[in-house]
Amino acid sequence: MRILGLAGLTVAVALSGCASKGLLSGDAPGAADTFAVQADFQAAYRRAGEYVRVCHEQRRHPYGIVYMSHHSLGQKGAPNEVQVYKKTEPAKILEIIRAQPDGPATSQVTVQVVGEAPWDEAEIQAARASIQSATPVCRPLAN
């Protein structure tokens, strides 16, 4: 009986870690910023993807953490979107970058992060600098 109780407790604890959806949970993001980019929204979307690839997916992170992303093209006026998550927690979205048109040669980009380091205001500023300049500017890794 005691073993069954411990097994149940273990399963409950394990599942509670899977319950968090990060930015998809419906709660307000920890930090967000919307800014203009002097490029069409497709170019801004490509720049966001390049930033995520260079600064998160291909970069070595402390403790062997591996980040991945999901890219989606907006349908019927919805913005193009890049979502970042840990490989071990694909349901918990840590960062969302959305690009949408704001004119013929300009776009508006919104970056949302969960608000816990390293997904904080410094991450937003790195993404903003990268997307506006078309050159990935990765923030320093914490030791």
N, C-alpha and C. Protein backbone atom coordinates (compact mmCIF):
# COMPACT_ATOMS: atom_id res chain seq x y z
N MET A 1 0.82 -1.18 0.00
CA MET A 1 0.00 0.00 0.00
C MET A 1 0.87 1.26 0.00
N ARG A 2 1.91 1.24 0.82
CA ARG A 2 2.81 2.38 0.90
C ARG A 2 3.51 2.61 -0.44
N ILE A 3 3.92 1.55 -1.12
CA ILE A 3 4.60 1.66 -2.42
C ILE A 3 3.64 2.25 -3.45
N LEU A 4 2.39 1.85 -3.42
CA LEU A 4 1.39 2.39 -4.34
C LEU A 4 1.21 3.89 -4.10
N GLY A 5 1.21 4.31 -2.85
CA GLY A 5 1.08 5.73 -2.52
C GLY A 5 2.27 6.52 -3.01
N LEU A 6 3.48 5.98 -2.83
CA LEU A 6 4.68 6.66 -3.32
C LEU A 6 4.70 6.74 -4.85
N ALA A 7 4.27 5.69 -5.50
CA ALA A 7 4.21 5.69 -6.96
C ALA A 7 3.22 6.74 -7.44
N GLY A 8 2.08 6.85 -6.79
CA GLY A 8 1.08 7.86 -7.15
C GLY A 8 1.62 9.27 -6.96
N LEU A 9 2.32 9.49 -5.86
CA LEU A 9 2.91 10.79 -5.59
C LEU A 9 3.97 11.14 -6.65
N THR A 10 4.78 10.18 -7.02
CA THR A 10 5.80 10.39 -8.03
C THR A 10 5.17 10.78 -9.37
N VAL A 11 4.11 10.09 -9.77
CA VAL A 11 3.42 10.39 -11.02
C VAL A 11 2.82 11.79 -10.95
N ALA A 12 2.22 12.17 -9.84
CA ALA A 12 1.61 13.50 -9.69
C ALA A 12 2.65 14.60 -9.82
N VAL A 13 3.81 14.40 -9.19
CA VAL A 13 4.88 15.40 -9.28
C VAL A 13 5.39 15.50 -10.70
N ALA A 14 5.58 14.37 -11.35
CA ALA A 14 6.08 14.38 -12.73
C ALA A 14 5.10 15.07 -13.67
N LEU A 15 3.83 14.81 -13.52
CA LEU A 15 2.83 15.43 -14.39
C LEU A 15 2.65 16.91 -14.11
N SER A 16 2.88 17.34 -12.88
CA SER A 16 2.71 18.76 -12.58
C SER A 16 3.73 19.60 -13.33
N GLY A 17 4.90 19.07 -13.62
CA GLY A 17 5.90 19.78 -14.40
C GLY A 17 5.49 19.91 -15.85
N CYS A 18 4.66 19.02 -16.35
CA CYS A 18 4.22 19.06 -17.73
C CYS A 18 3.03 19.98 -17.93
N ALA A 19 2.40 20.41 -16.86
CA ALA A 19 1.18 21.18 -16.96
C ALA A 19 1.42 22.61 -17.42
N SER A 20 2.58 23.16 -17.19
CA SER A 20 2.84 24.55 -17.55
C SER A 20 2.94 24.70 -19.06
N LYS A 21 2.24 25.69 -19.59
CA LYS A 21 2.26 25.96 -21.02
C LYS A 21 3.05 27.22 -21.34
N GLY A 22 3.72 27.81 -20.33
CA GLY A 22 4.48 29.02 -20.58
C GLY A 22 3.59 30.12 -21.10
N LEU A 23 3.94 30.69 -22.24
CA LEU A 23 3.17 31.80 -22.81
C LEU A 23 1.82 31.38 -23.36
N LEU A 24 1.60 30.10 -23.55
CA LEU A 24 0.31 29.63 -24.05
C LEU A 24 -0.70 29.35 -22.93
N SER A 25 -0.32 29.60 -21.68
CA SER A 25 -1.18 29.29 -20.55
C SER A 25 -2.35 30.24 -20.41
N GLY A 26 -2.33 31.35 -21.14
CA GLY A 26 -3.40 32.33 -21.03
C GLY A 26 -3.07 33.46 -20.08
N ASP A 27 -2.03 33.28 -19.27
CA ASP A 27 -1.59 34.35 -18.38
C ASP A 27 -0.85 35.40 -19.20
N ALA A 28 -0.79 36.61 -18.67
CA ALA A 28 -0.04 37.68 -19.34
C ALA A 28 1.44 37.31 -19.37
N PRO A 29 2.15 37.68 -20.47
CA PRO A 29 3.58 37.37 -20.53
C PRO A 29 4.34 38.14 -19.45
N GLY A 30 5.49 37.61 -19.06
CA GLY A 30 6.31 38.29 -18.07
C GLY A 30 6.81 39.62 -18.58
N ALA A 31 7.14 39.70 -19.86
CA ALA A 31 7.59 40.93 -20.49
C ALA A 31 7.26 40.85 -21.98
N ALA A 32 6.96 42.00 -22.56
CA ALA A 32 6.64 42.05 -23.99
C ALA A 32 7.01 43.43 -24.52
N ASP A 33 7.30 43.47 -25.82
CA ASP A 33 7.61 44.74 -26.47
C ASP A 33 7.21 44.63 -27.93
N THR A 34 6.67 45.72 -28.46
CA THR A 34 6.32 45.82 -29.88
C THR A 34 7.13 46.96 -30.47
N PHE A 35 7.74 46.72 -31.62
CA PHE A 35 8.59 47.74 -32.23
C PHE A 35 8.50 47.67 -33.74
N ALA A 36 8.88 48.76 -34.39
CA ALA A 36 8.86 48.85 -35.85
C ALA A 36 10.17 48.33 -36.43
N VAL A 37 10.06 47.73 -37.61
CA VAL A 37 11.24 47.24 -38.34
C VAL A 37 11.15 47.79 -39.75
N GLN A 38 12.25 48.34 -40.25
CA GLN A 38 12.30 48.90 -41.60
C GLN A 38 12.56 47.81 -42.63
N ALA A 39 11.65 46.87 -42.69
CA ALA A 39 11.69 45.78 -43.66
C ALA A 39 10.29 45.20 -43.73
N ASP A 40 9.96 44.54 -44.83
CA ASP A 40 8.62 43.94 -44.91
C ASP A 40 8.50 42.82 -43.88
N PHE A 41 7.27 42.41 -43.59
CA PHE A 41 7.07 41.46 -42.49
C PHE A 41 7.66 40.08 -42.77
N GLN A 42 7.80 39.70 -44.02
CA GLN A 42 8.44 38.42 -44.34
C GLN A 42 9.93 38.48 -43.99
N ALA A 43 10.57 39.61 -44.29
CA ALA A 43 11.98 39.78 -43.94
C ALA A 43 12.15 39.82 -42.42
N ALA A 44 11.25 40.51 -41.73
CA ALA A 44 11.31 40.56 -40.26
C ALA A 44 11.15 39.15 -39.67
N TYR A 45 10.26 38.37 -40.25
CA TYR A 45 10.04 36.98 -39.81
C TYR A 45 11.31 36.14 -40.04
N ARG A 46 11.95 36.30 -41.19
CA ARG A 46 13.20 35.57 -41.46
C ARG A 46 14.30 36.00 -40.48
N ARG A 47 14.38 37.30 -40.19
CA ARG A 47 15.36 37.80 -39.23
C ARG A 47 15.12 37.20 -37.84
N ALA A 48 13.86 37.11 -37.45
CA ALA A 48 13.53 36.51 -36.15
C ALA A 48 13.95 35.05 -36.12
N GLY A 49 13.70 34.32 -37.20
CA GLY A 49 14.11 32.93 -37.28
C GLY A 49 15.61 32.76 -37.22
N GLU A 50 16.34 33.66 -37.87
CA GLU A 50 17.79 33.62 -37.85
C GLU A 50 18.32 33.90 -36.45
N TYR A 51 17.73 34.87 -35.77
CA TYR A 51 18.12 35.19 -34.39
C TYR A 51 17.93 33.96 -33.50
N VAL A 52 16.79 33.33 -33.59
CA VAL A 52 16.50 32.15 -32.76
C VAL A 52 17.48 31.02 -33.09
N ARG A 53 17.74 30.80 -34.37
CA ARG A 53 18.64 29.73 -34.78
C ARG A 53 20.05 29.95 -34.22
N VAL A 54 20.58 31.17 -34.40
CA VAL A 54 21.95 31.46 -33.98
C VAL A 54 22.09 31.56 -32.47
N CYS A 55 21.17 32.26 -31.82
CA CYS A 55 21.33 32.58 -30.40
C CYS A 55 20.73 31.54 -29.45
N HIS A 56 19.88 30.66 -29.97
CA HIS A 56 19.28 29.66 -29.08
C HIS A 56 19.53 28.22 -29.54
N GLU A 57 19.21 27.92 -30.78
CA GLU A 57 19.29 26.53 -31.24
C GLU A 57 20.72 26.04 -31.46
N GLN A 58 21.57 26.84 -32.06
CA GLN A 58 22.92 26.38 -32.39
C GLN A 58 23.95 26.75 -31.33
N ARG A 59 23.56 27.47 -30.33
CA ARG A 59 24.47 27.92 -29.29
C ARG A 59 24.51 26.91 -28.14
N ARG A 60 25.68 26.74 -27.56
CA ARG A 60 25.81 25.87 -26.38
C ARG A 60 25.34 26.63 -25.15
N HIS A 61 24.46 26.03 -24.39
CA HIS A 61 23.91 26.66 -23.20
C HIS A 61 24.37 25.91 -21.95
N PRO A 62 24.40 26.61 -20.81
CA PRO A 62 24.80 25.95 -19.55
C PRO A 62 23.93 24.74 -19.25
N TYR A 63 24.51 23.78 -18.60
CA TYR A 63 23.83 22.55 -18.14
C TYR A 63 23.29 21.70 -19.29
N GLY A 64 23.78 21.92 -20.50
CA GLY A 64 23.36 21.10 -21.63
C GLY A 64 21.94 21.36 -22.11
N ILE A 65 21.35 22.50 -21.77
CA ILE A 65 19.99 22.82 -22.20
C ILE A 65 19.99 22.99 -23.71
N VAL A 66 18.98 22.43 -24.37
CA VAL A 66 18.84 22.54 -25.80
C VAL A 66 17.50 23.22 -26.08
N TYR A 67 17.56 24.29 -26.87
CA TYR A 67 16.34 25.01 -27.25
C TYR A 67 16.00 24.68 -28.68
N MET A 68 14.71 24.68 -28.97
CA MET A 68 14.20 24.42 -30.31
C MET A 68 13.14 25.46 -30.61
N SER A 69 12.68 25.49 -31.86
CA SER A 69 11.65 26.46 -32.22
C SER A 69 10.65 25.86 -33.19
N HIS A 70 9.51 26.51 -33.21
CA HIS A 70 8.45 26.16 -34.16
C HIS A 70 8.11 27.43 -34.93
N HIS A 71 8.12 27.36 -36.26
CA HIS A 71 7.84 28.51 -37.11
C HIS A 71 6.49 28.29 -37.78
N SER A 72 5.67 29.35 -37.83
CA SER A 72 4.39 29.22 -38.51
C SER A 72 4.07 30.49 -39.28
N LEU A 73 3.57 30.30 -40.49
CA LEU A 73 3.15 31.43 -41.32
C LEU A 73 1.71 31.76 -40.97
N GLY A 74 1.43 33.04 -40.79
CA GLY A 74 0.09 33.47 -40.43
C GLY A 74 -0.89 33.23 -41.57
N GLN A 75 -2.09 32.83 -41.23
CA GLN A 75 -3.14 32.59 -42.22
C GLN A 75 -4.18 33.70 -42.10
N LYS A 76 -4.65 34.21 -43.22
CA LYS A 76 -5.73 35.20 -43.28
C LYS A 76 -5.47 36.41 -42.39
N GLY A 77 -4.32 37.02 -42.53
CA GLY A 77 -4.00 38.24 -41.80
C GLY A 77 -3.35 38.04 -40.44
N ALA A 78 -3.24 36.81 -39.99
CA ALA A 78 -2.56 36.54 -38.71
C ALA A 78 -1.06 36.73 -38.91
N PRO A 79 -0.34 37.15 -37.87
CA PRO A 79 1.11 37.37 -38.02
C PRO A 79 1.89 36.06 -38.15
N ASN A 80 3.04 36.16 -38.80
CA ASN A 80 3.98 35.04 -38.82
C ASN A 80 4.57 34.93 -37.42
N GLU A 81 4.94 33.72 -37.00
CA GLU A 81 5.30 33.52 -35.60
C GLU A 81 6.43 32.51 -35.44
N VAL A 82 7.31 32.80 -34.48
CA VAL A 82 8.37 31.87 -34.08
C VAL A 82 8.19 31.64 -32.58
N GLN A 83 8.11 30.38 -32.17
CA GLN A 83 7.97 30.02 -30.76
C GLN A 83 9.22 29.25 -30.33
N VAL A 84 9.75 29.59 -29.16
CA VAL A 84 10.96 28.95 -28.63
C VAL A 84 10.59 28.15 -27.39
N TYR A 85 11.16 26.94 -27.28
CA TYR A 85 10.91 26.06 -26.15
C TYR A 85 12.13 25.19 -25.89
N LYS A 86 12.17 24.61 -24.68
CA LYS A 86 13.23 23.65 -24.38
C LYS A 86 12.88 22.33 -25.06
N LYS A 87 13.90 21.63 -25.53
CA LYS A 87 13.68 20.34 -26.19
C LYS A 87 12.96 19.37 -25.26
N THR A 88 13.27 19.43 -23.96
CA THR A 88 12.67 18.51 -23.00
C THR A 88 11.28 18.93 -22.55
N GLU A 89 10.85 20.17 -22.89
CA GLU A 89 9.54 20.67 -22.50
C GLU A 89 8.88 21.37 -23.69
N PRO A 90 8.49 20.62 -24.72
CA PRO A 90 7.98 21.26 -25.93
C PRO A 90 6.64 21.98 -25.74
N ALA A 91 5.90 21.68 -24.71
CA ALA A 91 4.61 22.34 -24.50
C ALA A 91 4.75 23.68 -23.79
N LYS A 92 5.90 23.95 -23.19
CA LYS A 92 6.11 25.20 -22.45
C LYS A 92 6.84 26.20 -23.36
N ILE A 93 6.10 27.16 -23.89
CA ILE A 93 6.66 28.16 -24.80
C ILE A 93 7.31 29.27 -23.97
N LEU A 94 8.59 29.51 -24.21
CA LEU A 94 9.37 30.48 -23.45
C LEU A 94 9.42 31.85 -24.11
N GLU A 95 9.33 31.88 -25.43
CA GLU A 95 9.40 33.14 -26.18
C GLU A 95 8.57 33.01 -27.44
N ILE A 96 7.85 34.08 -27.77
CA ILE A 96 7.10 34.15 -29.02
C ILE A 96 7.49 35.45 -29.72
N ILE A 97 7.85 35.33 -31.00
CA ILE A 97 8.16 36.51 -31.82
C ILE A 97 7.16 36.51 -32.97
N ARG A 98 6.41 37.62 -33.09
CA ARG A 98 5.40 37.74 -34.14
C ARG A 98 5.75 38.91 -35.05
N ALA A 99 5.63 38.71 -36.36
CA ALA A 99 5.88 39.77 -37.34
C ALA A 99 4.63 39.94 -38.19
N GLN A 100 4.20 41.20 -38.34
CA GLN A 100 3.04 41.49 -39.18
C GLN A 100 3.28 42.78 -39.96
N PRO A 101 2.59 42.94 -41.10
CA PRO A 101 2.82 44.12 -41.92
C PRO A 101 2.35 45.40 -41.22
N ASP A 102 3.07 46.49 -41.49
CA ASP A 102 2.71 47.79 -40.96
C ASP A 102 2.77 48.83 -42.07
N GLY A 103 2.94 48.38 -43.29
CA GLY A 103 3.05 49.23 -44.45
C GLY A 103 3.70 48.42 -45.55
N PRO A 104 3.90 49.02 -46.71
CA PRO A 104 4.48 48.26 -47.82
C PRO A 104 5.92 47.80 -47.58
N ALA A 105 6.69 48.58 -46.83
CA ALA A 105 8.10 48.21 -46.61
C ALA A 105 8.47 48.26 -45.14
N THR A 106 7.47 48.22 -44.27
CA THR A 106 7.73 48.22 -42.83
C THR A 106 6.88 47.14 -42.17
N SER A 107 7.31 46.76 -41.00
CA SER A 107 6.56 45.74 -40.26
C SER A 107 6.58 46.08 -38.78
N GLN A 108 5.72 45.38 -38.07
CA GLN A 108 5.66 45.53 -36.63
C GLN A 108 5.95 44.16 -36.03
N VAL A 109 6.89 44.13 -35.09
CA VAL A 109 7.30 42.88 -34.46
C VAL A 109 6.98 42.95 -32.97
N THR A 110 6.43 41.89 -32.45
CA THR A 110 6.15 41.78 -31.02
C THR A 110 6.94 40.60 -30.47
N VAL A 111 7.67 40.84 -29.39
CA VAL A 111 8.43 39.80 -28.70
C VAL A 111 7.84 39.65 -27.31
N GLN A 112 7.45 38.42 -26.97
CA GLN A 112 6.93 38.10 -25.64
C GLN A 112 7.82 37.05 -25.01
N VAL A 113 8.11 37.20 -23.73
CA VAL A 113 8.90 36.21 -22.99
C VAL A 113 8.20 35.92 -21.66
N VAL A 114 8.52 34.77 -21.07
CA VAL A 114 7.85 34.37 -19.83
C VAL A 114 8.24 35.23 -18.63
N GLY A 115 9.37 35.90 -18.67
CA GLY A 115 9.73 36.82 -17.60
C GLY A 115 10.69 36.26 -16.57
N GLU A 116 11.10 35.02 -16.72
CA GLU A 116 12.07 34.42 -15.80
C GLU A 116 13.41 34.36 -16.53
N ALA A 117 14.49 34.74 -15.84
CA ALA A 117 15.81 34.72 -16.46
C ALA A 117 16.09 33.32 -17.03
N PRO A 118 16.61 33.20 -18.20
CA PRO A 118 17.10 34.22 -19.12
C PRO A 118 16.02 34.77 -20.05
N TRP A 119 14.77 34.47 -19.83
CA TRP A 119 13.67 34.94 -20.68
C TRP A 119 13.05 36.18 -20.06
N ASP A 120 13.82 37.29 -20.13
CA ASP A 120 13.43 38.53 -19.47
C ASP A 120 13.63 39.71 -20.41
N GLU A 121 13.66 40.91 -19.88
CA GLU A 121 13.79 42.13 -20.68
C GLU A 121 15.08 42.14 -21.51
N ALA A 122 16.16 41.59 -20.99
CA ALA A 122 17.42 41.54 -21.75
C ALA A 122 17.26 40.68 -23.01
N GLU A 123 16.46 39.63 -22.92
CA GLU A 123 16.19 38.79 -24.10
C GLU A 123 15.41 39.59 -25.14
N ILE A 124 14.46 40.37 -24.70
CA ILE A 124 13.69 41.20 -25.63
C ILE A 124 14.60 42.19 -26.34
N GLN A 125 15.49 42.82 -25.59
CA GLN A 125 16.40 43.81 -26.20
C GLN A 125 17.35 43.15 -27.20
N ALA A 126 17.81 41.94 -26.92
CA ALA A 126 18.68 41.22 -27.86
C ALA A 126 17.92 40.87 -29.13
N ALA A 127 16.69 40.40 -28.98
CA ALA A 127 15.86 40.07 -30.15
C ALA A 127 15.58 41.33 -30.97
N ARG A 128 15.25 42.42 -30.30
CA ARG A 128 14.97 43.68 -30.99
C ARG A 128 16.19 44.15 -31.80
N ALA A 129 17.35 44.18 -31.17
CA ALA A 129 18.57 44.60 -31.87
C ALA A 129 18.86 43.69 -33.06
N SER A 130 18.65 42.41 -32.90
CA SER A 130 18.91 41.44 -33.96
C SER A 130 17.97 41.63 -35.15
N ILE A 131 16.70 41.77 -34.87
CA ILE A 131 15.71 41.87 -35.94
C ILE A 131 15.80 43.22 -36.65
N GLN A 132 16.03 44.29 -35.92
CA GLN A 132 16.13 45.60 -36.55
C GLN A 132 17.39 45.74 -37.38
N SER A 133 18.49 45.12 -36.95
CA SER A 133 19.76 45.25 -37.67
C SER A 133 19.99 44.15 -38.71
N ALA A 134 19.19 43.11 -38.69
CA ALA A 134 19.36 41.95 -39.56
C ALA A 134 20.64 41.18 -39.28
N THR A 135 21.19 41.34 -38.07
CA THR A 135 22.39 40.63 -37.65
C THR A 135 22.15 40.09 -36.24
N PRO A 136 22.21 38.77 -36.05
CA PRO A 136 21.97 38.23 -34.70
C PRO A 136 22.92 38.82 -33.67
N VAL A 137 22.34 39.33 -32.59
CA VAL A 137 23.08 39.90 -31.47
C VAL A 137 22.67 39.09 -30.24
N CYS A 138 23.44 38.09 -29.90
CA CYS A 138 23.10 37.21 -28.78
C CYS A 138 23.49 37.85 -27.45
N ARG A 139 22.63 37.68 -26.47
CA ARG A 139 22.97 38.20 -25.15
C ARG A 139 24.00 37.27 -24.51
N PRO A 140 24.81 37.78 -23.59
CA PRO A 140 25.80 36.91 -22.93
C PRO A 140 25.14 35.81 -22.13
N LEU A 141 25.74 34.66 -22.10
CA LEU A 141 25.21 33.54 -21.32
C LEU A 141 25.56 33.73 -19.84
N ALA A 142 24.62 33.38 -18.98
CA ALA A 142 24.87 33.43 -17.53
C ALA A 142 25.72 32.23 -17.15
N ASN A 143 26.59 32.43 -16.21
CA ASN A 143 27.45 31.31 -15.75
C ASN A 143 26.86 30.63 -14.56
